Amino acid sequence: MSLLQAFLNPKRNWFAKQHCKAVSKRLRKYGLRWDDLYDPKEDLDIKEALDRLPREIVDARNQRLKRAMDLSLKHEYLPEDLQAVQTPFRSYLQDMLALVKKENAEREALGALPLYQRTIP
């Protein structure tokens, strides 16, 4: 483990643990998960990973984002009882994103163009 990874690890660093608590508290207020913050328009790997996920997971993500935008516009937060059951760091995207990145790395190692850079002649 590198020095930077050890420094950023919440289990080893008090400041990292406090930062995780603050981020978790903020995400709970709006009912979001950490993976909801990824923007598919910024990274095509994220878009591909979202396209591969089951429809119900993507629909739940979209509902969380809509609810968070609505709460933000109203300058409100989720009720305390709903905030208590939120799981902001439960991931649904990381496994699929790792698979997409692995496939892209393999494709690059074989000398093929990435899928989203191919053009029809």
PDB file of N, CA and C in Angstrom:
ATOM      1  N   MET A   1       0.855  -1.172   0.000  1.00  0.00           N
ATOM      2  CA  MET A   1       0.000   0.000   0.000  1.00  0.00           C
ATOM      3  C   MET A   1       0.904   1.238   0.000  1.00  0.00           C
ATOM      4  N   SER A   2       0.621   2.149  -0.892  1.00  0.00           N
ATOM      5  CA  SER A   2       1.442   3.343  -0.982  1.00  0.00           C
ATOM      6  C   SER A   2       1.134   4.292   0.174  1.00  0.00           C
ATOM      7  N   LEU A   3       1.975   5.263   0.343  1.00  0.00           N
ATOM      8  CA  LEU A   3       1.802   6.237   1.417  1.00  0.00           C
ATOM      9  C   LEU A   3       0.526   7.047   1.205  1.00  0.00           C
ATOM     10  N   LEU A   4       0.243   7.411  -0.040  1.00  0.00           N
ATOM     11  CA  LEU A   4      -0.967   8.176  -0.335  1.00  0.00           C
ATOM     12  C   LEU A   4      -2.222   7.366  -0.027  1.00  0.00           C
ATOM     13  N   GLN A   5      -2.237   6.088  -0.412  1.00  0.00           N
ATOM     14  CA  GLN A   5      -3.397   5.240  -0.120  1.00  0.00           C
ATOM     15  C   GLN A   5      -3.585   5.086   1.386  1.00  0.00           C
ATOM     16  N   ALA A   6      -2.497   4.933   2.113  1.00  0.00           N
ATOM     17  CA  ALA A   6      -2.590   4.806   3.565  1.00  0.00           C
ATOM     18  C   ALA A   6      -3.116   6.098   4.180  1.00  0.00           C
ATOM     19  N   PHE A   7      -2.708   7.233   3.621  1.00  0.00           N
ATOM     20  CA  PHE A   7      -3.153   8.530   4.138  1.00  0.00           C
ATOM     21  C   PHE A   7      -4.635   8.755   3.878  1.00  0.00           C
ATOM     22  N   LEU A   8      -5.132   8.273   2.736  1.00  0.00           N
ATOM     23  CA  LEU A   8      -6.531   8.479   2.373  1.00  0.00           C
ATOM     24  C   LEU A   8      -7.466   7.406   2.915  1.00  0.00           C
ATOM     25  N   ASN A   9      -6.928   6.377   3.520  1.00  0.00           N
ATOM     26  CA  ASN A   9      -7.730   5.280   4.050  1.00  0.00           C
ATOM     27  C   ASN A   9      -8.424   5.714   5.344  1.00  0.00           C
ATOM     28  N   PRO A  10      -9.775   5.723   5.383  1.00  0.00           N
ATOM     29  CA  PRO A  10     -10.480   6.161   6.585  1.00  0.00           C
ATOM     30  C   PRO A  10     -10.224   5.284   7.806  1.00  0.00           C
ATOM     31  N   LYS A  11      -9.812   4.041   7.588  1.00  0.00           N
ATOM     32  CA  LYS A  11      -9.539   3.156   8.719  1.00  0.00           C
ATOM     33  C   LYS A  11      -8.234   3.528   9.423  1.00  0.00           C
ATOM     34  N   ARG A  12      -7.343   4.228   8.714  1.00  0.00           N
ATOM     35  CA  ARG A  12      -6.049   4.567   9.283  1.00  0.00           C
ATOM     36  C   ARG A  12      -5.901   6.043   9.628  1.00  0.00           C
ATOM     37  N   ASN A  13      -6.650   6.889   8.951  1.00  0.00           N
ATOM     38  CA  ASN A  13      -6.464   8.317   9.126  1.00  0.00           C
ATOM     39  C   ASN A  13      -7.730   8.942   9.700  1.00  0.00           C
ATOM     40  N   TRP A  14      -7.584   9.655  10.805  1.00  0.00           N
ATOM     41  CA  TRP A  14      -8.706  10.285  11.474  1.00  0.00           C
ATOM     42  C   TRP A  14      -9.367  11.337  10.590  1.00  0.00           C
ATOM     43  N   PHE A  15      -8.560  12.124   9.868  1.00  0.00           N
ATOM     44  CA  PHE A  15      -9.107  13.176   9.011  1.00  0.00           C
ATOM     45  C   PHE A  15      -9.914  12.583   7.854  1.00  0.00           C
ATOM     46  N   ALA A  16      -9.433  11.488   7.282  1.00  0.00           N
ATOM     47  CA  ALA A  16     -10.173  10.828   6.207  1.00  0.00           C
ATOM     48  C   ALA A  16     -11.496  10.280   6.738  1.00  0.00           C
ATOM     49  N   LYS A  17     -11.479   9.751   7.952  1.00  0.00           N
ATOM     50  CA  LYS A  17     -12.704   9.231   8.561  1.00  0.00           C
ATOM     51  C   LYS A  17     -13.709  10.364   8.782  1.00  0.00           C
ATOM     52  N   GLN A  18     -13.246  11.513   9.240  1.00  0.00           N
ATOM     53  CA  GLN A  18     -14.140  12.655   9.443  1.00  0.00           C
ATOM     54  C   GLN A  18     -14.716  13.150   8.121  1.00  0.00           C
ATOM     55  N   HIS A  19     -13.885  13.136   7.083  1.00  0.00           N
ATOM     56  CA  HIS A  19     -14.360  13.549   5.765  1.00  0.00           C
ATOM     57  C   HIS A  19     -15.451  12.586   5.263  1.00  0.00           C
ATOM     58  N   CYS A  20     -15.245  11.290   5.435  1.00  0.00           N
ATOM     59  CA  CYS A  20     -16.253  10.301   5.027  1.00  0.00           C
ATOM     60  C   CYS A  20     -17.557  10.504   5.785  1.00  0.00           C
ATOM     61  N   LYS A  21     -17.473  10.829   7.073  1.00  0.00           N
ATOM     62  CA  LYS A  21     -18.688  11.080   7.851  1.00  0.00           C
ATOM     63  C   LYS A  21     -19.423  12.304   7.322  1.00  0.00           C
ATOM     64  N   ALA A  22     -18.676  13.359   6.988  1.00  0.00           N
ATOM     65  CA  ALA A  22     -19.310  14.582   6.486  1.00  0.00           C
ATOM     66  C   ALA A  22     -19.966  14.341   5.130  1.00  0.00           C
ATOM     67  N   VAL A  23     -19.284  13.605   4.252  1.00  0.00           N
ATOM     68  CA  VAL A  23     -19.852  13.298   2.939  1.00  0.00           C
ATOM     69  C   VAL A  23     -21.083  12.416   3.101  1.00  0.00           C
ATOM     70  N   SER A  24     -20.999  11.435   3.968  1.00  0.00           N
ATOM     71  CA  SER A  24     -22.129  10.541   4.213  1.00  0.00           C
ATOM     72  C   SER A  24     -23.331  11.317   4.732  1.00  0.00           C
ATOM     73  N   LYS A  25     -23.113  12.233   5.651  1.00  0.00           N
ATOM     74  CA  LYS A  25     -24.199  13.037   6.211  1.00  0.00           C
ATOM     75  C   LYS A  25     -24.858  13.877   5.121  1.00  0.00           C
ATOM     76  N   ARG A  26     -24.054  14.463   4.251  1.00  0.00           N
ATOM     77  CA  ARG A  26     -24.586  15.309   3.177  1.00  0.00           C
ATOM     78  C   ARG A  26     -25.386  14.478   2.164  1.00  0.00           C
ATOM     79  N   LEU A  27     -24.861  13.302   1.809  1.00  0.00           N
ATOM     80  CA  LEU A  27     -25.576  12.438   0.863  1.00  0.00           C
ATOM     81  C   LEU A  27     -26.888  11.929   1.460  1.00  0.00           C
ATOM     82  N   ARG A  28     -26.888  11.608   2.748  1.00  0.00           N
ATOM     83  CA  ARG A  28     -28.105  11.130   3.410  1.00  0.00           C
ATOM     84  C   ARG A  28     -29.197  12.195   3.405  1.00  0.00           C
ATOM     85  N   LYS A  29     -28.807  13.455   3.532  1.00  0.00           N
ATOM     86  CA  LYS A  29     -29.798  14.531   3.560  1.00  0.00           C
ATOM     87  C   LYS A  29     -30.626  14.567   2.279  1.00  0.00           C
ATOM     88  N   TYR A  30     -30.005  14.184   1.169  1.00  0.00           N
ATOM     89  CA  TYR A  30     -30.708  14.205  -0.105  1.00  0.00           C
ATOM     90  C   TYR A  30     -31.097  12.815  -0.597  1.00  0.00           C
ATOM     91  N   GLY A  31     -30.718  11.777   0.130  1.00  0.00           N
ATOM     92  CA  GLY A  31     -31.079  10.417  -0.263  1.00  0.00           C
ATOM     93  C   GLY A  31     -30.262   9.892  -1.426  1.00  0.00           C
ATOM     94  N   LEU A  32     -29.030  10.345  -1.556  1.00  0.00           N
ATOM     95  CA  LEU A  32     -28.174   9.935  -2.669  1.00  0.00           C
ATOM     96  C   LEU A  32     -27.164   8.886  -2.237  1.00  0.00           C
ATOM     97  N   ARG A  33     -26.600   8.226  -3.217  1.00  0.00           N
ATOM     98  CA  ARG A  33     -25.469   7.326  -3.013  1.00  0.00           C
ATOM     99  C   ARG A  33     -24.258   7.922  -3.723  1.00  0.00           C
ATOM    100  N   TRP A  34     -23.086   7.482  -3.306  1.00  0.00           N
ATOM    101  CA  TRP A  34     -21.847   8.001  -3.887  1.00  0.00           C
ATOM    102  C   TRP A  34     -21.815   7.761  -5.393  1.00  0.00           C
ATOM    103  N   ASP A  35     -22.254   6.608  -5.847  1.00  0.00           N
ATOM    104  CA  ASP A  35     -22.230   6.290  -7.281  1.00  0.00           C
ATOM    105  C   ASP A  35     -23.187   7.155  -8.091  1.00  0.00           C
ATOM    106  N   ASP A  36     -24.174   7.765  -7.431  1.00  0.00           N
ATOM    107  CA  ASP A  36     -25.092   8.660  -8.137  1.00  0.00           C
ATOM    108  C   ASP A  36     -24.386   9.925  -8.616  1.00  0.00           C
ATOM    109  N   LEU A  37     -23.259  10.245  -8.035  1.00  0.00           N
ATOM    110  CA  LEU A  37     -22.548  11.483  -8.375  1.00  0.00           C
ATOM    111  C   LEU A  37     -21.742  11.370  -9.662  1.00  0.00           C
ATOM    112  N   TYR A  38     -21.554  10.165 -10.162  1.00  0.00           N
ATOM    113  CA  TYR A  38     -20.831   9.993 -11.429  1.00  0.00           C
ATOM    114  C   TYR A  38     -21.695  10.494 -12.579  1.00  0.00           C
ATOM    115  N   ASP A  39     -21.084  11.268 -13.473  1.00  0.00           N
ATOM    116  CA  ASP A  39     -21.809  11.848 -14.601  1.00  0.00           C
ATOM    117  C   ASP A  39     -21.478  11.071 -15.869  1.00  0.00           C
ATOM    118  N   PRO A  40     -22.466  10.422 -16.501  1.00  0.00           N
ATOM    119  CA  PRO A  40     -22.184   9.648 -17.713  1.00  0.00           C
ATOM    120  C   PRO A  40     -21.773  10.514 -18.902  1.00  0.00           C
ATOM    121  N   LYS A  41     -22.038  11.812 -18.844  1.00  0.00           N
ATOM    122  CA  LYS A  41     -21.630  12.691 -19.940  1.00  0.00           C
ATOM    123  C   LYS A  41     -20.148  13.039 -19.875  1.00  0.00           C
ATOM    124  N   GLU A  42     -19.546  12.900 -18.706  1.00  0.00           N
ATOM    125  CA  GLU A  42     -18.132  13.229 -18.534  1.00  0.00           C
ATOM    126  C   GLU A  42     -17.212  12.071 -18.902  1.00  0.00           C
ATOM    127  N   ASP A  43     -17.665  10.853 -18.658  1.00  0.00           N
ATOM    128  CA  ASP A  43     -16.825   9.679 -18.890  1.00  0.00           C
ATOM    129  C   ASP A  43     -17.652   8.624 -19.623  1.00  0.00           C
ATOM    130  N   LEU A  44     -17.204   8.231 -20.791  1.00  0.00           N
ATOM    131  CA  LEU A  44     -17.958   7.255 -21.584  1.00  0.00           C
ATOM    132  C   LEU A  44     -17.919   5.857 -20.973  1.00  0.00           C
ATOM    133  N   ASP A  45     -16.919   5.573 -20.139  1.00  0.00           N
ATOM    134  CA  ASP A  45     -16.896   4.294 -19.429  1.00  0.00           C
ATOM    135  C   ASP A  45     -18.063   4.210 -18.443  1.00  0.00           C
ATOM    136  N   ILE A  46     -18.368   5.306 -17.796  1.00  0.00           N
ATOM    137  CA  ILE A  46     -19.490   5.333 -16.861  1.00  0.00           C
ATOM    138  C   ILE A  46     -20.799   5.157 -17.620  1.00  0.00           C
ATOM    139  N   LYS A  47     -20.910   5.795 -18.768  1.00  0.00           N
ATOM    140  CA  LYS A  47     -22.107   5.644 -19.591  1.00  0.00           C
ATOM    141  C   LYS A  47     -22.283   4.186 -20.004  1.00  0.00           C
ATOM    142  N   GLU A  48     -21.200   3.560 -20.416  1.00  0.00           N
ATOM    143  CA  GLU A  48     -21.265   2.154 -20.821  1.00  0.00           C
ATOM    144  C   GLU A  48     -21.648   1.260 -19.633  1.00  0.00           C
ATOM    145  N   ALA A  49     -21.073   1.535 -18.464  1.00  0.00           N
ATOM    146  CA  ALA A  49     -21.400   0.740 -17.270  1.00  0.00           C
ATOM    147  C   ALA A  49     -22.868   0.901 -16.898  1.00  0.00           C
ATOM    148  N   LEU A  50     -23.389   2.119 -16.987  1.00  0.00           N
ATOM    149  CA  LEU A  50     -24.812   2.347 -16.687  1.00  0.00           C
ATOM    150  C   LEU A  50     -25.710   1.650 -17.707  1.00  0.00           C
ATOM    151  N   ASP A  51     -25.275   1.620 -18.959  1.00  0.00           N
ATOM    152  CA  ASP A  51     -26.063   0.934 -19.986  1.00  0.00           C
ATOM    153  C   ASP A  51     -26.132  -0.574 -19.742  1.00  0.00           C
ATOM    154  N   ARG A  52     -25.108  -1.120 -19.116  1.00  0.00           N
ATOM    155  CA  ARG A  52     -25.070  -2.564 -18.870  1.00  0.00           C
ATOM    156  C   ARG A  52     -25.815  -2.979 -17.603  1.00  0.00           C
ATOM    157  N   LEU A  53     -26.087  -2.039 -16.718  1.00  0.00           N
ATOM    158  CA  LEU A  53     -26.777  -2.375 -15.474  1.00  0.00           C
ATOM    159  C   LEU A  53     -28.237  -2.720 -15.754  1.00  0.00           C
ATOM    160  N   PRO A  54     -28.858  -3.516 -14.871  1.00  0.00           N
ATOM    161  CA  PRO A  54     -30.286  -3.815 -15.032  1.00  0.00           C
ATOM    162  C   PRO A  54     -31.125  -2.540 -14.972  1.00  0.00           C
ATOM    163  N   ARG A  55     -32.227  -2.558 -15.672  1.00  0.00           N
ATOM    164  CA  ARG A  55     -33.098  -1.382 -15.802  1.00  0.00           C
ATOM    165  C   ARG A  55     -33.576  -0.866 -14.453  1.00  0.00           C
ATOM    166  N   GLU A  56     -33.908  -1.769 -13.514  1.00  0.00           N
ATOM    167  CA  GLU A  56     -34.436  -1.326 -12.224  1.00  0.00           C
ATOM    168  C   GLU A  56     -33.395  -0.570 -11.400  1.00  0.00           C
ATOM    169  N   ILE A  57     -32.130  -0.917 -11.535  1.00  0.00           N
ATOM    170  CA  ILE A  57     -31.076  -0.200 -10.816  1.00  0.00           C
ATOM    171  C   ILE A  57     -30.906   1.201 -11.386  1.00  0.00           C
ATOM    172  N   VAL A  58     -30.931   1.309 -12.710  1.00  0.00           N
ATOM    173  CA  VAL A  58     -30.805   2.620 -13.353  1.00  0.00           C
ATOM    174  C   VAL A  58     -32.025   3.480 -13.045  1.00  0.00           C
ATOM    175  N   ASP A  59     -33.206   2.873 -13.027  1.00  0.00           N
ATOM    176  CA  ASP A  59     -34.418   3.623 -12.688  1.00  0.00           C
ATOM    177  C   ASP A  59     -34.369   4.139 -11.249  1.00  0.00           C
ATOM    178  N   ALA A  60     -33.873   3.309 -10.328  1.00  0.00           N
ATOM    179  CA  ALA A  60     -33.740   3.741  -8.929  1.00  0.00           C
ATOM    180  C   ALA A  60     -32.747   4.899  -8.823  1.00  0.00           C
ATOM    181  N   ARG A  61     -31.672   4.833  -9.583  1.00  0.00           N
ATOM    182  CA  ARG A  61     -30.687   5.929  -9.607  1.00  0.00           C
ATOM    183  C   ARG A  61     -31.335   7.216 -10.095  1.00  0.00           C
ATOM    184  N   ASN A  62     -32.089   7.121 -11.187  1.00  0.00           N
ATOM    185  CA  ASN A  62     -32.743   8.309 -11.730  1.00  0.00           C
ATOM    186  C   ASN A  62     -33.756   8.890 -10.743  1.00  0.00           C
ATOM    187  N   GLN A  63     -34.474   8.034 -10.034  1.00  0.00           N
ATOM    188  CA  GLN A  63     -35.431   8.511  -9.038  1.00  0.00           C
ATOM    189  C   GLN A  63     -34.719   9.226  -7.889  1.00  0.00           C
ATOM    190  N   ARG A  64     -33.582   8.673  -7.443  1.00  0.00           N
ATOM    191  CA  ARG A  64     -32.822   9.335  -6.376  1.00  0.00           C
ATOM    192  C   ARG A  64     -32.325  10.704  -6.835  1.00  0.00           C
ATOM    193  N   LEU A  65     -31.850  10.785  -8.070  1.00  0.00           N
ATOM    194  CA  LEU A  65     -31.366  12.069  -8.590  1.00  0.00           C
ATOM    195  C   LEU A  65     -32.501  13.086  -8.715  1.00  0.00           C
ATOM    196  N   LYS A  66     -33.657  12.650  -9.202  1.00  0.00           N
ATOM    197  CA  LYS A  66     -34.808  13.553  -9.312  1.00  0.00           C
ATOM    198  C   LYS A  66     -35.251  14.045  -7.942  1.00  0.00           C
ATOM    199  N   ARG A  67     -35.302  13.131  -6.974  1.00  0.00           N
ATOM    200  CA  ARG A  67     -35.707  13.511  -5.621  1.00  0.00           C
ATOM    201  C   ARG A  67     -34.718  14.506  -5.026  1.00  0.00           C
ATOM    202  N   ALA A  68     -33.422  14.272  -5.239  1.00  0.00           N
ATOM    203  CA  ALA A  68     -32.402  15.173  -4.703  1.00  0.00           C
ATOM    204  C   ALA A  68     -32.507  16.558  -5.337  1.00  0.00           C
ATOM    205  N   MET A  69     -32.747  16.613  -6.652  1.00  0.00           N
ATOM    206  CA  MET A  69     -32.905  17.916  -7.310  1.00  0.00           C
ATOM    207  C   MET A  69     -34.150  18.630  -6.793  1.00  0.00           C
ATOM    208  N   ASP A  70     -35.235  17.897  -6.599  1.00  0.00           N
ATOM    209  CA  ASP A  70     -36.462  18.490  -6.093  1.00  0.00           C
ATOM    210  C   ASP A  70     -36.252  19.045  -4.684  1.00  0.00           C
ATOM    211  N   LEU A  71     -35.611  18.265  -3.820  1.00  0.00           N
ATOM    212  CA  LEU A  71     -35.340  18.732  -2.459  1.00  0.00           C
ATOM    213  C   LEU A  71     -34.431  19.954  -2.464  1.00  0.00           C
ATOM    214  N   SER A  72     -33.439  19.946  -3.338  1.00  0.00           N
ATOM    215  CA  SER A  72     -32.514  21.074  -3.415  1.00  0.00           C
ATOM    216  C   SER A  72     -33.233  22.343  -3.863  1.00  0.00           C
ATOM    217  N   LEU A  73     -34.107  22.214  -4.860  1.00  0.00           N
ATOM    218  CA  LEU A  73     -34.846  23.385  -5.334  1.00  0.00           C
ATOM    219  C   LEU A  73     -35.783  23.937  -4.266  1.00  0.00           C
ATOM    220  N   LYS A  74     -36.324  23.059  -3.438  1.00  0.00           N
ATOM    221  CA  LYS A  74     -37.231  23.480  -2.374  1.00  0.00           C
ATOM    222  C   LYS A  74     -36.488  23.912  -1.114  1.00  0.00           C
ATOM    223  N   HIS A  75     -35.160  23.784  -1.102  1.00  0.00           N
ATOM    224  CA  HIS A  75     -34.326  24.096   0.070  1.00  0.00           C
ATOM    225  C   HIS A  75     -34.770  23.276   1.271  1.00  0.00           C
ATOM    226  N   GLU A  76     -34.987  21.978   1.032  1.00  0.00           N
ATOM    227  CA  GLU A  76     -35.408  21.056   2.080  1.00  0.00           C
ATOM    228  C   GLU A  76     -34.482  19.847   2.091  1.00  0.00           C
ATOM    229  N   TYR A  77     -34.617  19.021   3.131  1.00  0.00           N
ATOM    230  CA  TYR A  77     -33.898  17.760   3.236  1.00  0.00           C
ATOM    231  C   TYR A  77     -34.912  16.645   3.430  1.00  0.00           C
ATOM    232  N   LEU A  78     -34.439  15.409   3.273  1.00  0.00           N
ATOM    233  CA  LEU A  78     -35.299  14.257   3.572  1.00  0.00           C
ATOM    234  C   LEU A  78     -35.672  14.269   5.047  1.00  0.00           C
ATOM    235  N   PRO A  79     -36.824  13.727   5.402  1.00  0.00           N
ATOM    236  CA  PRO A  79     -37.165  13.597   6.830  1.00  0.00           C
ATOM    237  C   PRO A  79     -36.121  12.719   7.541  1.00  0.00           C
ATOM    238  N   GLU A  80     -35.970  12.962   8.824  1.00  0.00           N
ATOM    239  CA  GLU A  80     -34.944  12.260   9.613  1.00  0.00           C
ATOM    240  C   GLU A  80     -35.099  10.740   9.557  1.00  0.00           C
ATOM    241  N   ASP A  81     -36.343  10.235   9.573  1.00  0.00           N
ATOM    242  CA  ASP A  81     -36.540   8.785   9.559  1.00  0.00           C
ATOM    243  C   ASP A  81     -36.083   8.182   8.227  1.00  0.00           C
ATOM    244  N   LEU A  82     -36.242   8.913   7.120  1.00  0.00           N
ATOM    245  CA  LEU A  82     -35.746   8.417   5.828  1.00  0.00           C
ATOM    246  C   LEU A  82     -34.238   8.566   5.702  1.00  0.00           C
ATOM    247  N   GLN A  83     -33.688   9.597   6.318  1.00  0.00           N
ATOM    248  CA  GLN A  83     -32.232   9.765   6.297  1.00  0.00           C
ATOM    249  C   GLN A  83     -31.544   8.613   7.025  1.00  0.00           C
ATOM    250  N   ALA A  84     -32.177   8.105   8.063  1.00  0.00           N
ATOM    251  CA  ALA A  84     -31.581   7.037   8.867  1.00  0.00           C
ATOM    252  C   ALA A  84     -31.425   5.736   8.090  1.00  0.00           C
ATOM    253  N   VAL A  85     -32.271   5.497   7.084  1.00  0.00           N
ATOM    254  CA  VAL A  85     -32.205   4.228   6.356  1.00  0.00           C
ATOM    255  C   VAL A  85     -31.411   4.329   5.048  1.00  0.00           C
ATOM    256  N   GLN A  86     -30.857   5.496   4.756  1.00  0.00           N
ATOM    257  CA  GLN A  86     -30.080   5.659   3.529  1.00  0.00           C
ATOM    258  C   GLN A  86     -28.719   4.978   3.653  1.00  0.00           C
ATOM    259  N   THR A  87     -28.214   4.476   2.521  1.00  0.00           N
ATOM    260  CA  THR A  87     -26.906   3.809   2.478  1.00  0.00           C
ATOM    261  C   THR A  87     -26.040   4.495   1.425  1.00  0.00           C
ATOM    262  N   PRO A  88     -25.384   5.608   1.789  1.00  0.00           N
ATOM    263  CA  PRO A  88     -24.683   6.405   0.782  1.00  0.00           C
ATOM    264  C   PRO A  88     -23.456   5.743   0.163  1.00  0.00           C
ATOM    265  N   PHE A  89     -22.826   4.811   0.847  1.00  0.00           N
ATOM    266  CA  PHE A  89     -21.624   4.206   0.286  1.00  0.00           C
ATOM    267  C   PHE A  89     -21.853   2.778  -0.194  1.00  0.00           C
ATOM    268  N   ARG A  90     -23.109   2.356  -0.329  1.00  0.00           N
ATOM    269  CA  ARG A  90     -23.388   1.040  -0.908  1.00  0.00           C
ATOM    270  C   ARG A  90     -23.325   1.173  -2.421  1.00  0.00           C
ATOM    271  N   SER A  91     -22.372   0.515  -3.008  1.00  0.00           N
ATOM    272  CA  SER A  91     -22.080   0.703  -4.425  1.00  0.00           C
ATOM    273  C   SER A  91     -22.929  -0.208  -5.306  1.00  0.00           C
ATOM    274  N   TYR A  92     -23.311   0.307  -6.444  1.00  0.00           N
ATOM    275  CA  TYR A  92     -24.005  -0.480  -7.455  1.00  0.00           C
ATOM    276  C   TYR A  92     -23.322  -0.368  -8.807  1.00  0.00           C
ATOM    277  N   LEU A  93     -22.369   0.541  -8.941  1.00  0.00           N
ATOM    278  CA  LEU A  93     -21.764   0.828 -10.231  1.00  0.00           C
ATOM    279  C   LEU A  93     -20.312   0.372 -10.329  1.00  0.00           C
ATOM    280  N   GLN A  94     -19.618   0.252  -9.214  1.00  0.00           N
ATOM    281  CA  GLN A  94     -18.180   0.035  -9.239  1.00  0.00           C
ATOM    282  C   GLN A  94     -17.764  -1.274  -9.902  1.00  0.00           C
ATOM    283  N   ASP A  95     -18.497  -2.353  -9.661  1.00  0.00           N
ATOM    284  CA  ASP A  95     -18.135  -3.641 -10.268  1.00  0.00           C
ATOM    285  C   ASP A  95     -18.248  -3.592 -11.785  1.00  0.00           C
ATOM    286  N   MET A  96     -19.340  -3.026 -12.280  1.00  0.00           N
ATOM    287  CA  MET A  96     -19.535  -2.934 -13.724  1.00  0.00           C
ATOM    288  C   MET A  96     -18.531  -1.956 -14.343  1.00  0.00           C
ATOM    289  N   LEU A  97     -18.229  -0.871 -13.642  1.00  0.00           N
ATOM    290  CA  LEU A  97     -17.261   0.100 -14.141  1.00  0.00           C
ATOM    291  C   LEU A  97     -15.870  -0.525 -14.221  1.00  0.00           C
ATOM    292  N   ALA A  98     -15.511  -1.330 -13.235  1.00  0.00           N
ATOM    293  CA  ALA A  98     -14.222  -2.025 -13.268  1.00  0.00           C
ATOM    294  C   ALA A  98     -14.167  -2.998 -14.450  1.00  0.00           C
ATOM    295  N   LEU A  99     -15.267  -3.680 -14.727  1.00  0.00           N
ATOM    296  CA  LEU A  99     -15.324  -4.599 -15.857  1.00  0.00           C
ATOM    297  C   LEU A  99     -15.156  -3.853 -17.182  1.00  0.00           C
ATOM    298  N   VAL A 100     -15.833  -2.716 -17.329  1.00  0.00           N
ATOM    299  CA  VAL A 100     -15.724  -1.919 -18.558  1.00  0.00           C
ATOM    300  C   VAL A 100     -14.296  -1.424 -18.747  1.00  0.00           C
ATOM    301  N   LYS A 101     -13.691  -0.934 -17.665  1.00  0.00           N
ATOM    302  CA  LYS A 101     -12.304  -0.443 -17.760  1.00  0.00           C
ATOM    303  C   LYS A 101     -11.344  -1.577 -18.103  1.00  0.00           C
ATOM    304  N   LYS A 102     -11.590  -2.763 -17.541  1.00  0.00           N
ATOM    305  CA  LYS A 102     -10.748  -3.919 -17.843  1.00  0.00           C
ATOM    306  C   LYS A 102     -10.880  -4.310 -19.311  1.00  0.00           C
ATOM    307  N   GLU A 103     -12.106  -4.317 -19.826  1.00  0.00           N
ATOM    308  CA  GLU A 103     -12.317  -4.637 -21.242  1.00  0.00           C
ATOM    309  C   GLU A 103     -11.654  -3.614 -22.153  1.00  0.00           C
ATOM    310  N   ASN A 104     -11.734  -2.344 -21.785  1.00  0.00           N
ATOM    311  CA  ASN A 104     -11.096  -1.302 -22.590  1.00  0.00           C
ATOM    312  C   ASN A 104      -9.576  -1.434 -22.564  1.00  0.00           C
ATOM    313  N   ALA A 105      -9.026  -1.780 -21.420  1.00  0.00           N
ATOM    314  CA  ALA A 105      -7.578  -1.981 -21.323  1.00  0.00           C
ATOM    315  C   ALA A 105      -7.141  -3.175 -22.161  1.00  0.00           C
ATOM    316  N   GLU A 106      -7.931  -4.245 -22.128  1.00  0.00           N
ATOM    317  CA  GLU A 106      -7.630  -5.432 -22.931  1.00  0.00           C
ATOM    318  C   GLU A 106      -7.725  -5.101 -24.419  1.00  0.00           C
ATOM    319  N   ARG A 107      -8.745  -4.349 -24.794  1.00  0.00           N
ATOM    320  CA  ARG A 107      -8.923  -3.947 -26.186  1.00  0.00           C
ATOM    321  C   ARG A 107      -7.734  -3.090 -26.653  1.00  0.00           C
ATOM    322  N   GLU A 108      -7.293  -2.189 -25.786  1.00  0.00           N
ATOM    323  CA  GLU A 108      -6.144  -1.335 -26.116  1.00  0.00           C
ATOM    324  C   GLU A 108      -4.866  -2.155 -26.227  1.00  0.00           C
ATOM    325  N   ALA A 109      -4.707  -3.150 -25.340  1.00  0.00           N
ATOM    326  CA  ALA A 109      -3.520  -4.006 -25.377  1.00  0.00           C
ATOM    327  C   ALA A 109      -3.470  -4.826 -26.664  1.00  0.00           C
ATOM    328  N   LEU A 110      -4.625  -5.163 -27.209  1.00  0.00           N
ATOM    329  CA  LEU A 110      -4.674  -5.928 -28.455  1.00  0.00           C
ATOM    330  C   LEU A 110      -4.550  -5.023 -29.685  1.00  0.00           C
ATOM    331  N   GLY A 111      -4.543  -3.713 -29.473  1.00  0.00           N
ATOM    332  CA  GLY A 111      -4.347  -2.790 -30.582  1.00  0.00           C
ATOM    333  C   GLY A 111      -5.614  -2.335 -31.264  1.00  0.00           C
ATOM    334  N   ALA A 112      -6.775  -2.665 -30.703  1.00  0.00           N
ATOM    335  CA  ALA A 112      -8.042  -2.249 -31.305  1.00  0.00           C
ATOM    336  C   ALA A 112      -8.422  -0.862 -30.787  1.00  0.00           C
ATOM    337  N   LEU A 113      -9.195  -0.155 -31.573  1.00  0.00           N
ATOM    338  CA  LEU A 113      -9.687   1.140 -31.138  1.00  0.00           C
ATOM    339  C   LEU A 113     -10.784   0.951 -30.100  1.00  0.00           C
ATOM    340  N   PRO A 114     -10.904   1.881 -29.159  1.00  0.00           N
ATOM    341  CA  PRO A 114     -12.037   1.803 -28.227  1.00  0.00           C
ATOM    342  C   PRO A 114     -13.355   1.887 -28.987  1.00  0.00           C
ATOM    343  N   LEU A 115     -14.394   1.273 -28.434  1.00  0.00           N
ATOM    344  CA  LEU A 115     -15.678   1.211 -29.117  1.00  0.00           C
ATOM    345  C   LEU A 115     -16.239   2.585 -29.450  1.00  0.00           C
ATOM    346  N   TYR A 116     -16.068   3.533 -28.554  1.00  0.00           N
ATOM    347  CA  TYR A 116     -16.677   4.835 -28.765  1.00  0.00           C
ATOM    348  C   TYR A 116     -15.826   5.764 -29.618  1.00  0.00           C
ATOM    349  N   GLN A 117     -14.687   5.279 -30.152  1.00  0.00           N
ATOM    350  CA  GLN A 117     -13.889   6.098 -31.058  1.00  0.00           C
ATOM    351  C   GLN A 117     -13.942   5.556 -32.494  1.00  0.00           C
ATOM    352  N   ARG A 118     -14.633   4.466 -32.689  1.00  0.00           N
ATOM    353  CA  ARG A 118     -14.720   3.892 -34.021  1.00  0.00           C
ATOM    354  C   ARG A 118     -15.667   4.707 -34.885  1.00  0.00           C
ATOM    355  N   THR A 119     -15.336   4.811 -36.159  1.00  0.00           N
ATOM    356  CA  THR A 119     -16.215   5.512 -37.103  1.00  0.00           C
ATOM    357  C   THR A 119     -16.460   4.608 -38.299  1.00  0.00           C
ATOM    358  N   ILE A 120     -17.572   4.844 -38.947  1.00  0.00           N
ATOM    359  CA  ILE A 120     -17.900   4.070 -40.151  1.00  0.00           C
ATOM    360  C   ILE A 120     -17.216   4.741 -41.324  1.00  0.00           C
ATOM    361  N   PRO A 121     -16.447   3.993 -42.131  1.00  0.00           N
ATOM    362  CA  PRO A 121     -15.731   4.612 -43.259  1.00  0.00           C
ATOM    363  C   PRO A 121     -16.659   5.087 -44.367  1.00  0.00           C
TER     364      PRO A 121
END
